[in-house]
């Protein structure tokens, strides 16, 4: 994989939104993650879909709506402080 992209399931796991990559993959497969890239909205349908820096993601986990912009890919699943550097929070959609 090139360094200018990252799989959706890997990124969600590295950013610590899910405890395991398997959980992240299942969430994506169920169509529960929306993506906006270059003004075009859609749903992630496969865990192998590629995310790019600047993509906006919206999904609900644990009763909370999470809206973030991909800011970096990361090289590993690091501590929470490192994971927070992978995204920029967005205003929650109405």
Protein backbone atom coordinates (compact mmCIF):
# COMPACT_ATOMS: atom_id res chain seq x y z
CA UNK A 1 0.00 0.00 0.00
CA UNK A 2 1.27 3.48 -0.78
CA UNK A 3 2.03 5.98 1.94
CA UNK A 4 -0.60 8.43 0.64
CA UNK A 5 -3.56 6.24 1.61
CA UNK A 6 -4.75 3.80 4.27
CA UNK A 7 -7.42 1.10 4.50
CA UNK A 8 -10.58 2.25 6.28
CA UNK A 9 -10.54 -0.56 8.88
CA UNK A 10 -6.85 -0.02 9.66
CA UNK A 11 -7.28 3.73 10.09
CA UNK A 12 -10.35 3.41 12.34
CA UNK A 13 -8.42 0.93 14.51
CA UNK A 14 -5.23 3.05 14.64
CA UNK A 15 -7.28 6.12 15.56
CA UNK A 16 -8.64 4.06 18.47
CA UNK A 17 -12.32 4.28 17.56
CA UNK A 18 -12.48 0.46 17.76
CA UNK A 19 -10.64 -1.99 20.04
CA UNK A 20 -9.89 -4.42 17.23
CA UNK A 21 -9.44 -4.21 13.50
CA UNK A 22 -12.07 -6.93 13.13
CA UNK A 23 -14.67 -4.75 14.89
CA UNK A 24 -13.75 -1.81 12.66
CA UNK A 25 -14.06 -4.01 9.55
CA UNK A 26 -17.48 -5.31 10.64
CA UNK A 27 -18.71 -1.77 11.27
CA UNK A 28 -17.63 -0.68 7.77
CA UNK A 29 -19.15 -3.78 6.14
CA UNK A 30 -22.49 -2.97 7.78
CA UNK A 31 -22.44 0.40 5.99
CA UNK A 32 -22.35 2.39 9.22
CA UNK A 33 -19.59 4.82 8.18
CA UNK A 34 -20.31 7.78 5.89
CA UNK A 35 -17.51 9.45 3.96
CA UNK A 36 -17.28 12.81 2.23
CA UNK A 37 -14.44 13.26 -0.25
CA UNK A 38 -14.16 16.36 -2.42
CA UNK A 39 -17.77 17.28 -1.62
CA UNK A 40 -19.18 13.89 -2.64
CA UNK A 41 -20.93 11.91 0.10
CA UNK A 42 -21.16 8.15 0.25
CA UNK A 43 -20.90 5.14 2.53
CA UNK A 44 -17.89 2.97 3.07
CA UNK A 45 -18.96 -0.52 2.04
CA UNK A 46 -15.73 -2.52 2.29
CA UNK A 47 -13.01 -2.45 4.97
CA UNK A 48 -10.41 -2.33 2.20
CA UNK A 49 -11.69 1.01 0.88
CA UNK A 50 -8.90 3.55 0.85
CA UNK A 51 -9.03 6.70 2.98
CA UNK A 52 -7.10 9.81 2.03
CA UNK A 53 -6.04 12.79 4.11
CA UNK A 54 -8.87 15.33 4.07
CA UNK A 55 -11.68 12.74 3.94
CA UNK A 56 -14.52 13.43 6.37
CA UNK A 57 -16.02 10.47 8.23
CA UNK A 58 -19.26 10.37 10.21
CA UNK A 59 -20.38 7.38 12.27
CA UNK A 60 -22.05 6.58 15.59
CA UNK A 61 -20.31 4.56 18.29
CA UNK A 62 -21.59 3.98 21.80
CA UNK A 63 -24.53 6.34 21.36
CA UNK A 64 -22.33 9.24 20.18
CA UNK A 65 -22.11 10.66 16.67
CA UNK A 66 -18.48 11.07 15.68
CA UNK A 67 -17.51 13.43 12.86
CA UNK A 68 -13.81 13.63 12.03
CA UNK A 69 -11.46 14.61 9.21
CA UNK A 70 -8.57 12.28 8.41
CA UNK A 71 -5.38 14.24 9.20
CA UNK A 72 -2.72 11.49 9.12
CA UNK A 73 -2.44 7.73 8.68
CA UNK A 74 -0.12 6.70 11.48
CA UNK A 75 2.24 3.78 11.33
CA UNK A 76 0.90 1.83 14.29
CA UNK A 77 -1.84 1.73 16.90
CA UNK A 78 -0.18 3.92 19.45
CA UNK A 79 -1.29 5.49 22.72
CA UNK A 80 -4.41 7.71 22.78
CA UNK A 81 -2.39 10.92 22.52
CA UNK A 82 -0.78 9.65 19.31
CA UNK A 83 -4.14 8.46 17.95
CA UNK A 84 -5.69 11.93 18.45
CA UNK A 85 -3.14 13.26 15.99
CA UNK A 86 -4.65 11.13 13.21
CA UNK A 87 -7.88 13.15 12.99
CA UNK A 88 -9.41 16.57 13.42
CA UNK A 89 -12.86 16.69 15.09
CA UNK A 90 -15.61 18.33 13.03
CA UNK A 91 -18.82 19.91 14.25
CA UNK A 92 -21.39 17.19 14.79
CA UNK A 93 -23.89 17.16 11.90
CA UNK A 94 -27.41 18.25 12.76
